[in-house]
C-alpha atoms as a PDB file:
ATOM      1  CA  MET A   1     -19.663 -11.848  78.462  1.00  0.00           C
ATOM      2  CA  LEU A   2     -16.800 -10.618  76.240  1.00  0.00           C
ATOM      3  CA  GLN A   3     -18.619 -12.052  73.253  1.00  0.00           C
ATOM      4  CA  THR A   4     -21.665  -9.938  74.133  1.00  0.00           C
ATOM      5  CA  ILE A   5     -19.516  -6.816  74.542  1.00  0.00           C
ATOM      6  CA  SER A   6     -17.747  -7.539  71.251  1.00  0.00           C
ATOM      7  CA  GLY A   7     -21.117  -7.894  69.545  1.00  0.00           C
ATOM      8  CA  LYS A   8     -22.342  -4.604  71.018  1.00  0.00           C
ATOM      9  CA  PHE A   9     -19.202  -2.798  69.859  1.00  0.00           C
ATOM     10  CA  GLN A  10     -19.682  -4.303  66.384  1.00  0.00           C
ATOM     11  CA  ALA A  11     -23.334  -3.219  66.283  1.00  0.00           C
ATOM     12  CA  TRP A  12     -22.655   0.321  67.545  1.00  0.00           C
ATOM     13  CA  THR A  13     -19.821   0.922  65.075  1.00  0.00           C
ATOM     14  CA  LYS A  14     -20.821   3.808  62.875  1.00  0.00           C
ATOM     15  CA  GLY A  15     -18.208   6.047  61.255  1.00  0.00           C
ATOM     16  CA  TRP A  16     -19.719   9.250  62.654  1.00  0.00           C
ATOM     17  CA  LEU A  17     -19.900   7.812  66.189  1.00  0.00           C
ATOM     18  CA  VAL A  18     -16.275   6.662  66.040  1.00  0.00           C
ATOM     19  CA  LEU A  19     -15.241  10.198  65.020  1.00  0.00           C
ATOM     20  CA  VAL A  20     -17.314  11.810  67.801  1.00  0.00           C
ATOM     21  CA  LEU A  21     -15.856   9.462  70.418  1.00  0.00           C
ATOM     22  CA  LEU A  22     -12.296   9.981  69.170  1.00  0.00           C
ATOM     23  CA  ALA A  23     -12.881  13.767  69.300  1.00  0.00           C
ATOM     24  CA  LEU A  24     -14.172  13.443  72.879  1.00  0.00           C
ATOM     25  CA  ASP A  25     -11.158  11.312  73.783  1.00  0.00           C
ATOM     26  CA  MET A  26      -8.833  13.944  72.304  1.00  0.00           C
ATOM     27  CA  PHE A  27     -10.715  16.705  74.179  1.00  0.00           C
ATOM     28  CA  PHE A  28     -10.195  14.900  77.471  1.00  0.00           C
ATOM     29  CA  MET A  29      -6.583  14.002  76.655  1.00  0.00           C
ATOM     30  CA  THR A  30      -5.533  17.464  75.481  1.00  0.00           C
ATOM     31  CA  ILE A  31      -7.717  19.826  77.534  1.00  0.00           C
ATOM     32  CA  VAL A  32      -9.564  18.295  80.499  1.00  0.00           C
ATOM     33  CA  MET A  33      -6.799  16.105  81.937  1.00  0.00           C
ATOM     34  CA  PRO A  34      -3.979  18.667  81.460  1.00  0.00           C
ATOM     35  CA  LEU A  35      -6.194  21.355  83.031  1.00  0.00           C
ATOM     36  CA  THR A  36      -6.909  19.060  85.967  1.00  0.00           C
ATOM     37  CA  GLY A  37      -3.189  18.325  86.282  1.00  0.00           C
ATOM     38  CA  ALA A  38      -2.375  22.050  86.227  1.00  0.00           C
ATOM     39  CA  LEU A  39      -4.919  22.706  88.987  1.00  0.00           C
ATOM     40  CA  MET A  40      -3.399  19.916  91.048  1.00  0.00           C
ATOM     41  CA  LYS A  41       0.118  21.219  90.429  1.00  0.00           C
ATOM     42  CA  SER A  42      -0.868  24.738  91.479  1.00  0.00           C
ATOM     43  CA  GLY A  43      -2.069  23.386  94.823  1.00  0.00           C
ATOM     44  CA  THR A  44       0.635  20.802  95.460  1.00  0.00           C
ATOM     45  CA  GLY A  45       3.605  21.588  93.243  1.00  0.00           C
ATOM     46  CA  LEU A  46       3.497  18.039  91.859  1.00  0.00           C
ATOM     47  CA  GLU A  47       3.231  17.426  88.161  1.00  0.00           C
ATOM     48  CA  LYS A  48       2.301  13.774  88.058  1.00  0.00           C
ATOM     49  CA  PRO A  49      -0.693  12.035  89.610  1.00  0.00           C
ATOM     50  CA  LEU A  50      -0.379   8.451  90.789  1.00  0.00           C
ATOM     51  CA  ASP A  51      -2.358   7.085  87.822  1.00  0.00           C
ATOM     52  CA  LEU A  52       0.367   8.158  85.407  1.00  0.00           C
ATOM     53  CA  MET A  53       3.189   6.497  87.308  1.00  0.00           C
ATOM     54  CA  PHE A  54       4.218   3.081  86.035  1.00  0.00           C
ATOM     55  CA  LEU A  55       5.408   0.673  88.760  1.00  0.00           C
ATOM     56  CA  ALA A  56       5.508   3.222  91.599  1.00  0.00           C
ATOM     57  CA  THR A  57       6.328   1.456  94.865  1.00  0.00           C
ATOM     58  CA  PRO A  58       4.133   1.955  97.946  1.00  0.00           C
ATOM     59  CA  ASP A  59       6.865   4.125  99.502  1.00  0.00           C
ATOM     60  CA  LYS A  60       6.828   6.404  96.450  1.00  0.00           C
ATOM     61  CA  MET A  61       3.010   6.541  96.431  1.00  0.00           C
ATOM     62  CA  PHE A  62       2.768   7.432 100.106  1.00  0.00           C
ATOM     63  CA  ALA A  63       5.505  10.052  99.769  1.00  0.00           C
ATOM     64  CA  MET A  64       3.535  11.671  96.949  1.00  0.00           C
ATOM     65  CA  ILE A  65       0.254  11.474  98.856  1.00  0.00           C
ATOM     66  CA  GLU A  66       1.937  13.259 101.757  1.00  0.00           C
ATOM     67  CA  ILE A  67       3.260  15.979  99.434  1.00  0.00           C
ATOM     68  CA  TYR A  68      -0.214  16.508  97.922  1.00  0.00           C
ATOM     69  CA  GLY A  69      -1.094  18.086 101.264  1.00  0.00           C
ATOM     70  CA  GLU A  70      -4.413  19.230 102.636  1.00  0.00           C
ATOM     71  CA  TYR A  71      -5.444  20.825  99.327  1.00  0.00           C
ATOM     72  CA  GLY A  72      -4.202  18.157  96.964  1.00  0.00           C
ATOM     73  CA  ARG A  73      -5.564  15.017  98.614  1.00  0.00           C
ATOM     74  CA  PRO A  74      -9.261  16.027  98.594  1.00  0.00           C
ATOM     75  CA  PHE A  75      -8.879  17.608  95.143  1.00  0.00           C
ATOM     76  CA  TYR A  76      -7.278  14.465  93.714  1.00  0.00           C
ATOM     77  CA  ARG A  77      -9.940  12.267  95.337  1.00  0.00           C
ATOM     78  CA  THR A  78     -12.679  14.418  93.745  1.00  0.00           C
ATOM     79  CA  VAL A  79     -10.996  14.138  90.346  1.00  0.00           C
ATOM     80  CA  GLU A  80     -10.750  10.346  90.710  1.00  0.00           C
ATOM     81  CA  LEU A  81     -14.467  10.138  91.581  1.00  0.00           C
ATOM     82  CA  THR A  82     -15.670  12.402  88.759  1.00  0.00           C
ATOM     83  CA  VAL A  83     -13.461  13.154  85.753  1.00  0.00           C
ATOM     84  CA  ASP A  84     -11.540   9.866  86.042  1.00  0.00           C
ATOM     85  CA  ILE A  85     -14.796   7.909  85.993  1.00  0.00           C
ATOM     86  CA  ILE A  86     -16.143   9.705  82.900  1.00  0.00           C
ATOM     87  CA  TYR A  87     -12.924   9.638  80.876  1.00  0.00           C
ATOM     88  CA  PRO A  88     -12.437   5.842  81.047  1.00  0.00           C
ATOM     89  CA  ILE A  89     -15.975   5.361  79.701  1.00  0.00           C
ATOM     90  CA  ILE A  90     -15.169   7.681  76.797  1.00  0.00           C
ATOM     91  CA  TYR A  91     -11.884   5.983  75.898  1.00  0.00           C
ATOM     92  CA  LEU A  92     -13.439   2.520  76.344  1.00  0.00           C
ATOM     93  CA  LEU A  93     -16.033   3.356  73.722  1.00  0.00           C
ATOM     94  CA  ALA A  94     -13.629   5.320  71.501  1.00  0.00           C
ATOM     95  CA  PHE A  95     -11.027   2.559  71.416  1.00  0.00           C
ATOM     96  CA  GLY A  96     -13.520  -0.320  71.290  1.00  0.00           C
ATOM     97  CA  LEU A  97     -15.498   1.166  68.414  1.00  0.00           C
ATOM     98  CA  THR A  98     -12.386   2.314  66.537  1.00  0.00           C
ATOM     99  CA  ILE A  99     -10.895  -1.179  66.709  1.00  0.00           C
ATOM    100  CA  SER A 100     -14.262  -2.609  65.628  1.00  0.00           C
ATOM    101  CA  TRP A 101     -14.546  -0.204  62.689  1.00  0.00           C
ATOM    102  CA  LEU A 102     -11.008  -0.935  61.503  1.00  0.00           C
ATOM    103  CA  PHE A 103     -11.280  -4.702  62.020  1.00  0.00           C
ATOM    104  CA  GLN A 104     -14.589  -4.807  60.103  1.00  0.00           C
ATOM    105  CA  ARG A 105     -12.594  -3.465  57.183  1.00  0.00           C
ATOM    106  CA  GLY A 106      -9.412  -5.428  57.785  1.00  0.00           C
ATOM    107  CA  PHE A 107     -10.591  -8.924  58.720  1.00  0.00           C
ATOM    108  CA  ALA A 108     -13.365 -11.266  57.688  1.00  0.00           C
ATOM    109  CA  ARG A 109     -16.572 -11.059  59.733  1.00  0.00           C
ATOM    110  CA  ASP A 110     -16.068 -14.572  61.150  1.00  0.00           C
ATOM    111  CA  SER A 111     -12.383 -14.018  62.001  1.00  0.00           C
ATOM    112  CA  LYS A 112     -11.413 -14.595  65.623  1.00  0.00           C
ATOM    113  CA  MET A 113      -9.577 -11.258  65.356  1.00  0.00           C
ATOM    114  CA  GLN A 114     -12.952  -9.498  65.655  1.00  0.00           C
ATOM    115  CA  MET A 115     -13.114 -10.435  69.364  1.00  0.00           C
ATOM    116  CA  LEU A 116      -9.991  -8.372  70.053  1.00  0.00           C
ATOM    117  CA  ASN A 117     -12.191  -5.270  69.979  1.00  0.00           C
ATOM    118  CA  THR A 118     -12.763  -6.035  73.683  1.00  0.00           C
ATOM    119  CA  MET A 119      -9.132  -5.246  74.623  1.00  0.00           C
ATOM    120  CA  PRO A 120     -10.115  -1.730  75.854  1.00  0.00           C
ATOM    121  CA  VAL A 121     -12.440  -3.368  78.419  1.00  0.00           C
ATOM    122  CA  GLY A 122      -9.332  -4.526  80.294  1.00  0.00           C
ATOM    123  CA  MET A 123      -7.902  -1.005  80.233  1.00  0.00           C
ATOM    124  CA  TRP A 124     -11.209   0.393  81.544  1.00  0.00           C
ATOM    125  CA  LEU A 125     -11.592  -2.261  84.263  1.00  0.00           C
ATOM    126  CA  PHE A 126      -8.056  -1.897  85.597  1.00  0.00           C
ATOM    127  CA  ASP A 127      -8.313   1.900  85.431  1.00  0.00           C
ATOM    128  CA  LEU A 128     -11.387   1.751  87.671  1.00  0.00           C
ATOM    129  CA  LEU A 129      -9.638  -0.650  90.061  1.00  0.00           C
ATOM    130  CA  GLU A 130      -6.631   1.683  90.107  1.00  0.00           C
ATOM    131  CA  ASN A 131      -8.945   4.635  90.859  1.00  0.00           C
ATOM    132  CA  LEU A 132     -10.508   2.685  93.719  1.00  0.00           C
ATOM    133  CA  GLY A 133      -7.043   2.027  95.165  1.00  0.00           C
ATOM    134  CA  ILE A 134      -6.019   5.674  94.839  1.00  0.00           C
ATOM    135  CA  VAL A 135      -9.252   6.930  96.415  1.00  0.00           C
ATOM    136  CA  THR A 136      -8.809   4.434  99.257  1.00  0.00           C
ATOM    137  CA  MET A 137      -5.253   5.595  99.951  1.00  0.00           C
ATOM    138  CA  LEU A 138      -6.216   9.279  99.760  1.00  0.00           C
ATOM    139  CA  THR A 139      -9.198   8.726 102.065  1.00  0.00           C
ATOM    140  CA  MET A 140      -7.301   6.645 104.628  1.00  0.00           C
ATOM    141  CA  TRP A 141      -4.379   9.100 104.872  1.00  0.00           C
ATOM    142  CA  PRO A 142      -2.365   9.355 107.151  1.00  0.00           C
ATOM    143  CA  SER A 143      -2.836   5.588 107.419  1.00  0.00           C
ATOM    144  CA  GLN A 144      -0.730   3.804 104.810  1.00  0.00           C
ATOM    145  CA  PRO A 145      -2.442   0.619 103.592  1.00  0.00           C
ATOM    146  CA  VAL A 146       0.530  -1.119 101.971  1.00  0.00           C
ATOM    147  CA  VAL A 147      -1.559  -3.927 100.457  1.00  0.00           C
ATOM    148  CA  VAL A 148      -3.801  -1.363  98.737  1.00  0.00           C
ATOM    149  CA  ALA A 149      -0.706   0.423  97.407  1.00  0.00           C
ATOM    150  CA  TRP A 150       0.778  -2.799  95.988  1.00  0.00           C
ATOM    151  CA  LEU A 151      -2.558  -3.712  94.380  1.00  0.00           C
ATOM    152  CA  THR A 152      -2.845  -0.210  92.937  1.00  0.00           C
ATOM    153  CA  MET A 153       0.650  -0.517  91.457  1.00  0.00           C
ATOM    154  CA  VAL A 154      -0.368  -3.809  89.809  1.00  0.00           C
ATOM    155  CA  PHE A 155      -3.665  -2.341  88.542  1.00  0.00           C
ATOM    156  CA  THR A 156      -1.790   0.625  87.040  1.00  0.00           C
ATOM    157  CA  ALA A 157       0.729  -1.618  85.293  1.00  0.00           C
ATOM    158  CA  VAL A 158      -1.984  -3.891  83.890  1.00  0.00           C
ATOM    159  CA  LYS A 159      -4.031  -0.867  82.765  1.00  0.00           C
ATOM    160  CA  TRP A 160      -1.051   0.441  80.783  1.00  0.00           C
ATOM    161  CA  MET A 161      -0.450  -3.011  79.255  1.00  0.00           C
ATOM    162  CA  PHE A 162      -4.058  -3.104  78.032  1.00  0.00           C
ATOM    163  CA  ALA A 163      -3.687   0.490  76.783  1.00  0.00           C
ATOM    164  CA  GLY A 164      -0.579  -0.448  74.800  1.00  0.00           C
ATOM    165  CA  GLY A 165      -2.323  -3.540  73.457  1.00  0.00           C
ATOM    166  CA  SER A 166      -5.347  -1.470  72.405  1.00  0.00           C
ATOM    167  CA  MET A 167      -3.152   1.036  70.565  1.00  0.00           C
ATOM    168  CA  LEU A 168      -1.260  -1.784  68.874  1.00  0.00           C
ATOM    169  CA  LEU A 169      -4.583  -3.280  67.745  1.00  0.00           C
ATOM    170  CA  MET A 170      -5.560   0.072  66.232  1.00  0.00           C
ATOM    171  CA  VAL A 171      -2.295   0.115  64.247  1.00  0.00           C
ATOM    172  CA  VAL A 172      -2.895  -3.490  63.094  1.00  0.00           C
ATOM    173  CA  GLY A 173      -6.503  -2.638  62.208  1.00  0.00           C
ATOM    174  CA  LEU A 174      -5.458   0.485  60.309  1.00  0.00           C
ATOM    175  CA  THR A 175      -2.847  -1.476  58.362  1.00  0.00           C
ATOM    176  CA  MET A 176      -5.231  -4.292  57.468  1.00  0.00           C
ATOM    177  CA  ALA A 177      -8.111  -1.922  56.634  1.00  0.00           C
ATOM    178  CA  ALA A 178      -5.792   0.123  54.378  1.00  0.00           C
ATOM    179  CA  ARG A 179      -4.717  -3.081  52.601  1.00  0.00           C
ATOM    180  CA  ASN A 180      -8.406  -3.699  51.893  1.00  0.00           C
ATOM    181  CA  GLY A 181      -9.055  -0.136  50.706  1.00  0.00           C
ATOM    182  CA  PHE A 182     -11.142   0.529  53.825  1.00  0.00           C
ATOM    183  CA  ARG A 183     -13.991  -1.502  52.372  1.00  0.00           C
ATOM    184  CA  ARG A 184     -16.096  -3.429  54.860  1.00  0.00           C
ATOM    185  CA  ARG A 185     -15.346  -7.158  54.677  1.00  0.00           C
ATOM    186  CA  GLU A 186     -18.065  -9.755  54.784  1.00  0.00           C
END
C-alpha cells in the first residue's frame, strides 16, 4: 500500500502543484488555524487546543475540556470535524509532494530513499485518530473516557513524531537536491 502511495506522490509531483499546495498549507497555518484558535479563545479564554499539546495527561485534557465550557466544546468539535479534516489532507499532499520533488532531484530514481515520501501519511493518519479521540471526549462530556484520553495522547505524540520526521526529510531532500543543482536524477 505504501508503495502505491509513494508511486502516486511521485507521479503527481509537478513544481507548480507543489507550490500551490505549500501556499495552501501556509494559508491554513498562518490564517485559518490562528483565526480558529482566536475564535475558540474568545469563547473559552484558552489559547491552546488539545491537538497542539504534546503528552497531555488525561487529567489535563479533561480539565481543559471542562474549561472550554458550553460554547467551546461544540465549537471545538465542529472545528475537528471540518477544518481539521481538510487541513491534514492539504499538508499530507503538500509534504508528500514536496519530499517527492526534492528526492527526485536529490536521490537516484531506484533509491530506497524515494519511499520515504510516504512519511506524511503517518502524520495524517495519527492526526485523524487524534481528532477522533478529541471528538469522542468532547461528545461524551461530562463522562471522562480515560482510555480514549490515553490513546489520544499517544496519537498526538506519534503525529508530532511523524511531523518532525517529515520536516527532517524535507531538509535532507533540499540539501541533496541543492548538491545536485536541483536537476532531476534518473
